[in-house]
């Protein structure tokens, strides 16, 4: 997010991200694929850039 100049404040105010969703993202909790897809559109990246698969 730093590389793209997108802060959590900007996600909330500009892109209408829910504060709870950001909280879960920061903690590494489970979030939906659609949430990750939206975040990737904002950051202009692929899901594999922000997701780590754990077995």
PDB file of N, CA and C in Angstrom:
ATOM      1  N   UNK A   1       0.818  -1.177   0.000  1.00  0.00           N
ATOM      2  CA  UNK A   1       0.000   0.000   0.000  1.00  0.00           C
ATOM      3  C   UNK A   1       0.872   1.254   0.000  1.00  0.00           C
ATOM      4  N   UNK A   2       2.012   1.192   0.665  1.00  0.00           N
ATOM      5  CA  UNK A   2       2.903   2.354   0.688  1.00  0.00           C
ATOM      6  C   UNK A   2       3.412   2.672  -0.715  1.00  0.00           C
ATOM      7  N   UNK A   3       3.739   1.643  -1.481  1.00  0.00           N
ATOM      8  CA  UNK A   3       4.250   1.854  -2.836  1.00  0.00           C
ATOM      9  C   UNK A   3       3.230   2.543  -3.726  1.00  0.00           C
ATOM     10  N   UNK A   4       1.961   2.312  -3.475  1.00  0.00           N
ATOM     11  CA  UNK A   4       0.879   2.877  -4.284  1.00  0.00           C
ATOM     12  C   UNK A   4       0.289   4.142  -3.666  1.00  0.00           C
ATOM     13  N   UNK A   5       0.857   4.600  -2.546  1.00  0.00           N
ATOM     14  CA  UNK A   5       0.358   5.787  -1.843  1.00  0.00           C
ATOM     15  C   UNK A   5      -1.105   5.665  -1.444  1.00  0.00           C
ATOM     16  N   UNK A   6      -1.482   4.508  -0.927  1.00  0.00           N
ATOM     17  CA  UNK A   6      -2.844   4.282  -0.457  1.00  0.00           C
ATOM     18  C   UNK A   6      -2.783   3.952   1.036  1.00  0.00           C
ATOM     19  N   UNK A   7      -3.353   4.821   1.832  1.00  0.00           N
ATOM     20  CA  UNK A   7      -3.371   4.608   3.280  1.00  0.00           C
ATOM     21  C   UNK A   7      -4.677   3.933   3.676  1.00  0.00           C
ATOM     22  N   UNK A   8      -4.732   3.455   4.897  1.00  0.00           N
ATOM     23  CA  UNK A   8      -5.981   2.878   5.374  1.00  0.00           C
ATOM     24  C   UNK A   8      -7.052   3.961   5.443  1.00  0.00           C
ATOM     25  N   UNK A   9      -6.660   5.185   5.762  1.00  0.00           N
ATOM     26  CA  UNK A   9      -7.610   6.296   5.788  1.00  0.00           C
ATOM     27  C   UNK A   9      -8.215   6.510   4.396  1.00  0.00           C
ATOM     28  N   UNK A  10      -7.376   6.443   3.376  1.00  0.00           N
ATOM     29  CA  UNK A  10      -7.868   6.618   2.003  1.00  0.00           C
ATOM     30  C   UNK A  10      -8.786   5.472   1.598  1.00  0.00           C
ATOM     31  N   UNK A  11      -8.471   4.256   2.033  1.00  0.00           N
ATOM     32  CA  UNK A  11      -9.357   3.125   1.738  1.00  0.00           C
ATOM     33  C   UNK A  11     -10.741   3.352   2.335  1.00  0.00           C
ATOM     34  N   UNK A  12     -10.779   3.897   3.537  1.00  0.00           N
ATOM     35  CA  UNK A  12     -12.054   4.130   4.220  1.00  0.00           C
ATOM     36  C   UNK A  12     -12.818   5.293   3.589  1.00  0.00           C
ATOM     37  N   UNK A  13     -12.139   6.408   3.370  1.00  0.00           N
ATOM     38  CA  UNK A  13     -12.831   7.615   2.914  1.00  0.00           C
ATOM     39  C   UNK A  13     -13.098   7.644   1.418  1.00  0.00           C
ATOM     40  N   UNK A  14     -12.140   7.210   0.628  1.00  0.00           N
ATOM     41  CA  UNK A  14     -12.280   7.306  -0.826  1.00  0.00           C
ATOM     42  C   UNK A  14     -12.945   6.077  -1.420  1.00  0.00           C
ATOM     43  N   UNK A  15     -12.578   4.899  -0.915  1.00  0.00           N
ATOM     44  CA  UNK A  15     -13.049   3.655  -1.520  1.00  0.00           C
ATOM     45  C   UNK A  15     -14.126   2.954  -0.692  1.00  0.00           C
ATOM     46  N   UNK A  16     -14.573   3.589   0.378  1.00  0.00           N
ATOM     47  CA  UNK A  16     -15.653   3.073   1.232  1.00  0.00           C
ATOM     48  C   UNK A  16     -15.377   1.685   1.808  1.00  0.00           C
ATOM     49  N   UNK A  17     -14.120   1.422   2.135  1.00  0.00           N
ATOM     50  CA  UNK A  17     -13.786   0.164   2.797  1.00  0.00           C
ATOM     51  C   UNK A  17     -14.276   0.215   4.231  1.00  0.00           C
ATOM     52  N   UNK A  18     -14.756  -0.886   4.726  1.00  0.00           N
ATOM     53  CA  UNK A  18     -15.230  -0.998   6.091  1.00  0.00           C
ATOM     54  C   UNK A  18     -14.032  -1.064   7.036  1.00  0.00           C
ATOM     55  N   UNK A  19     -14.113  -0.359   8.154  1.00  0.00           N
ATOM     56  CA  UNK A  19     -13.021  -0.375   9.144  1.00  0.00           C
ATOM     57  C   UNK A  19     -12.761  -1.784   9.660  1.00  0.00           C
ATOM     58  N   UNK A  20     -13.820  -2.562   9.817  1.00  0.00           N
ATOM     59  CA  UNK A  20     -13.671  -3.939  10.281  1.00  0.00           C
ATOM     60  C   UNK A  20     -12.923  -4.804   9.290  1.00  0.00           C
ATOM     61  N   UNK A  21     -13.166  -4.581   8.016  1.00  0.00           N
ATOM     62  CA  UNK A  21     -12.462  -5.334   6.977  1.00  0.00           C
ATOM     63  C   UNK A  21     -10.972  -5.028   7.016  1.00  0.00           C
ATOM     64  N   UNK A  22     -10.637  -3.771   7.171  1.00  0.00           N
ATOM     65  CA  UNK A  22      -9.226  -3.381   7.262  1.00  0.00           C
ATOM     66  C   UNK A  22      -8.579  -3.993   8.497  1.00  0.00           C
ATOM     67  N   UNK A  23      -9.311  -4.010   9.590  1.00  0.00           N
ATOM     68  CA  UNK A  23      -8.825  -4.631  10.820  1.00  0.00           C
ATOM     69  C   UNK A  23      -8.487  -6.107  10.570  1.00  0.00           C
ATOM     70  N   UNK A  24      -9.381  -6.816   9.903  1.00  0.00           N
ATOM     71  CA  UNK A  24      -9.154  -8.237   9.626  1.00  0.00           C
ATOM     72  C   UNK A  24      -8.004  -8.441   8.643  1.00  0.00           C
ATOM     73  N   UNK A  25      -7.870  -7.565   7.671  1.00  0.00           N
ATOM     74  CA  UNK A  25      -6.747  -7.656   6.736  1.00  0.00           C
ATOM     75  C   UNK A  25      -5.424  -7.484   7.464  1.00  0.00           C
ATOM     76  N   UNK A  26      -5.356  -6.510   8.346  1.00  0.00           N
ATOM     77  CA  UNK A  26      -4.117  -6.253   9.092  1.00  0.00           C
ATOM     78  C   UNK A  26      -3.750  -7.419  10.002  1.00  0.00           C
ATOM     79  N   UNK A  27      -4.752  -8.066  10.579  1.00  0.00           N
ATOM     80  CA  UNK A  27      -4.503  -9.203  11.465  1.00  0.00           C
ATOM     81  C   UNK A  27      -4.192 -10.487  10.713  1.00  0.00           C
ATOM     82  N   UNK A  28      -4.490 -10.513   9.413  1.00  0.00           N
ATOM     83  CA  UNK A  28      -4.280 -11.729   8.644  1.00  0.00           C
ATOM     84  C   UNK A  28      -5.432 -12.695   8.775  1.00  0.00           C
ATOM     85  N   UNK A  29      -6.583 -12.199   9.217  1.00  0.00           N
ATOM     86  CA  UNK A  29      -7.766 -13.045   9.334  1.00  0.00           C
ATOM     87  C   UNK A  29      -8.318 -13.362   7.941  1.00  0.00           C
ATOM     88  N   UNK A  30      -9.258 -14.279   7.905  1.00  0.00           N
ATOM     89  CA  UNK A  30      -9.894 -14.640   6.641  1.00  0.00           C
ATOM     90  C   UNK A  30     -10.774 -13.500   6.146  1.00  0.00           C
ATOM     91  N   UNK A  31     -10.637 -13.192   4.865  1.00  0.00           N
ATOM     92  CA  UNK A  31     -11.514 -12.233   4.194  1.00  0.00           C
ATOM     93  C   UNK A  31     -11.964 -12.856   2.879  1.00  0.00           C
ATOM     94  N   UNK A  32     -13.008 -12.326   2.304  1.00  0.00           N
ATOM     95  CA  UNK A  32     -13.551 -12.916   1.080  1.00  0.00           C
ATOM     96  C   UNK A  32     -12.672 -12.594  -0.127  1.00  0.00           C
ATOM     97  N   UNK A  33     -12.782 -13.438  -1.128  1.00  0.00           N
ATOM     98  CA  UNK A  33     -12.052 -13.222  -2.378  1.00  0.00           C
ATOM     99  C   UNK A  33     -12.496 -11.925  -3.035  1.00  0.00           C
ATOM    100  N   UNK A  34     -13.773 -11.613  -2.949  1.00  0.00           N
ATOM    101  CA  UNK A  34     -14.259 -10.375  -3.569  1.00  0.00           C
ATOM    102  C   UNK A  34     -13.625  -9.147  -2.915  1.00  0.00           C
ATOM    103  N   UNK A  35     -13.424  -9.186  -1.608  1.00  0.00           N
ATOM    104  CA  UNK A  35     -12.748  -8.086  -0.920  1.00  0.00           C
ATOM    105  C   UNK A  35     -11.318  -7.952  -1.407  1.00  0.00           C
ATOM    106  N   UNK A  36     -10.641  -9.082  -1.549  1.00  0.00           N
ATOM    107  CA  UNK A  36      -9.262  -9.057  -2.048  1.00  0.00           C
ATOM    108  C   UNK A  36      -9.207  -8.567  -3.486  1.00  0.00           C
ATOM    109  N   UNK A  37     -10.188  -8.943  -4.293  1.00  0.00           N
ATOM    110  CA  UNK A  37     -10.231  -8.515  -5.687  1.00  0.00           C
ATOM    111  C   UNK A  37     -10.403  -6.998  -5.773  1.00  0.00           C
ATOM    112  N   UNK A  38     -11.254  -6.449  -4.938  1.00  0.00           N
ATOM    113  CA  UNK A  38     -11.452  -4.996  -4.915  1.00  0.00           C
ATOM    114  C   UNK A  38     -10.169  -4.294  -4.483  1.00  0.00           C
ATOM    115  N   UNK A  39      -9.527  -4.821  -3.455  1.00  0.00           N
ATOM    116  CA  UNK A  39      -8.268  -4.245  -2.987  1.00  0.00           C
ATOM    117  C   UNK A  39      -7.211  -4.295  -4.090  1.00  0.00           C
ATOM    118  N   UNK A  40      -7.171  -5.381  -4.824  1.00  0.00           N
ATOM    119  CA  UNK A  40      -6.207  -5.505  -5.916  1.00  0.00           C
ATOM    120  C   UNK A  40      -6.498  -4.516  -7.043  1.00  0.00           C
ATOM    121  N   UNK A  41      -7.749  -4.249  -7.306  1.00  0.00           N
ATOM    122  CA  UNK A  41      -8.096  -3.241  -8.312  1.00  0.00           C
ATOM    123  C   UNK A  41      -7.603  -1.865  -7.868  1.00  0.00           C
ATOM    124  N   UNK A  42      -7.778  -1.557  -6.607  1.00  0.00           N
ATOM    125  CA  UNK A  42      -7.332  -0.271  -6.085  1.00  0.00           C
ATOM    126  C   UNK A  42      -5.816  -0.155  -6.161  1.00  0.00           C
ATOM    127  N   UNK A  43      -5.124  -1.223  -5.770  1.00  0.00           N
ATOM    128  CA  UNK A  43      -3.662  -1.208  -5.721  1.00  0.00           C
ATOM    129  C   UNK A  43      -3.008  -1.574  -7.046  1.00  0.00           C
ATOM    130  N   UNK A  44      -3.834  -1.949  -8.030  1.00  0.00           N
ATOM    131  CA  UNK A  44      -3.337  -2.360  -9.349  1.00  0.00           C
ATOM    132  C   UNK A  44      -2.306  -3.485  -9.216  1.00  0.00           C
ATOM    133  N   UNK A  45      -2.739  -4.559  -8.571  1.00  0.00           N
ATOM    134  CA  UNK A  45      -1.880  -5.719  -8.378  1.00  0.00           C
ATOM    135  C   UNK A  45      -2.715  -6.980  -8.575  1.00  0.00           C
ATOM    136  N   UNK A  46      -2.071  -8.124  -8.506  1.00  0.00           N
ATOM    137  CA  UNK A  46      -2.803  -9.385  -8.602  1.00  0.00           C
ATOM    138  C   UNK A  46      -3.004  -9.946  -7.198  1.00  0.00           C
ATOM    139  N   UNK A  47      -3.968 -10.823  -7.063  1.00  0.00           N
ATOM    140  CA  UNK A  47      -4.267 -11.407  -5.755  1.00  0.00           C
ATOM    141  C   UNK A  47      -3.043 -12.137  -5.198  1.00  0.00           C
ATOM    142  N   UNK A  48      -2.276 -12.760  -6.068  1.00  0.00           N
ATOM    143  CA  UNK A  48      -1.090 -13.487  -5.594  1.00  0.00           C
ATOM    144  C   UNK A  48      -0.045 -12.553  -4.979  1.00  0.00           C
ATOM    145  N   UNK A  49      -0.129 -11.255  -5.260  1.00  0.00           N
ATOM    146  CA  UNK A  49       0.789 -10.295  -4.651  1.00  0.00           C
ATOM    147  C   UNK A  49       0.469 -10.036  -3.182  1.00  0.00           C
ATOM    148  N   UNK A  50      -0.781 -10.305  -2.777  1.00  0.00           N
ATOM    149  CA  UNK A  50      -1.168  -9.969  -1.404  1.00  0.00           C
ATOM    150  C   UNK A  50      -1.648 -11.158  -0.597  1.00  0.00           C
ATOM    151  N   UNK A  51      -1.747 -12.338  -1.219  1.00  0.00           N
ATOM    152  CA  UNK A  51      -2.286 -13.505  -0.539  1.00  0.00           C
ATOM    153  C   UNK A  51      -1.217 -14.566  -0.357  1.00  0.00           C
ATOM    154  N   UNK A  52      -1.217 -15.155   0.810  1.00  0.00           N
ATOM    155  CA  UNK A  52      -0.349 -16.295   1.097  1.00  0.00           C
ATOM    156  C   UNK A  52      -1.258 -17.486   1.411  1.00  0.00           C
ATOM    157  N   UNK A  53      -1.061 -18.572   0.705  1.00  0.00           N
ATOM    158  CA  UNK A  53      -1.878 -19.755   0.924  1.00  0.00           C
ATOM    159  C   UNK A  53      -1.268 -20.596   2.039  1.00  0.00           C
ATOM    160  N   UNK A  54      -2.089 -20.928   3.026  1.00  0.00           N
ATOM    161  CA  UNK A  54      -1.627 -21.771   4.135  1.00  0.00           C
ATOM    162  C   UNK A  54      -2.407 -23.079   4.101  1.00  0.00           C
ATOM    163  N   UNK A  55      -1.718 -24.143   4.306  1.00  0.00           N
ATOM    164  CA  UNK A  55      -2.370 -25.470   4.338  1.00  0.00           C
ATOM    165  C   UNK A  55      -2.440 -25.987   5.730  1.00  0.00           C
TER     166      UNK A  55
END
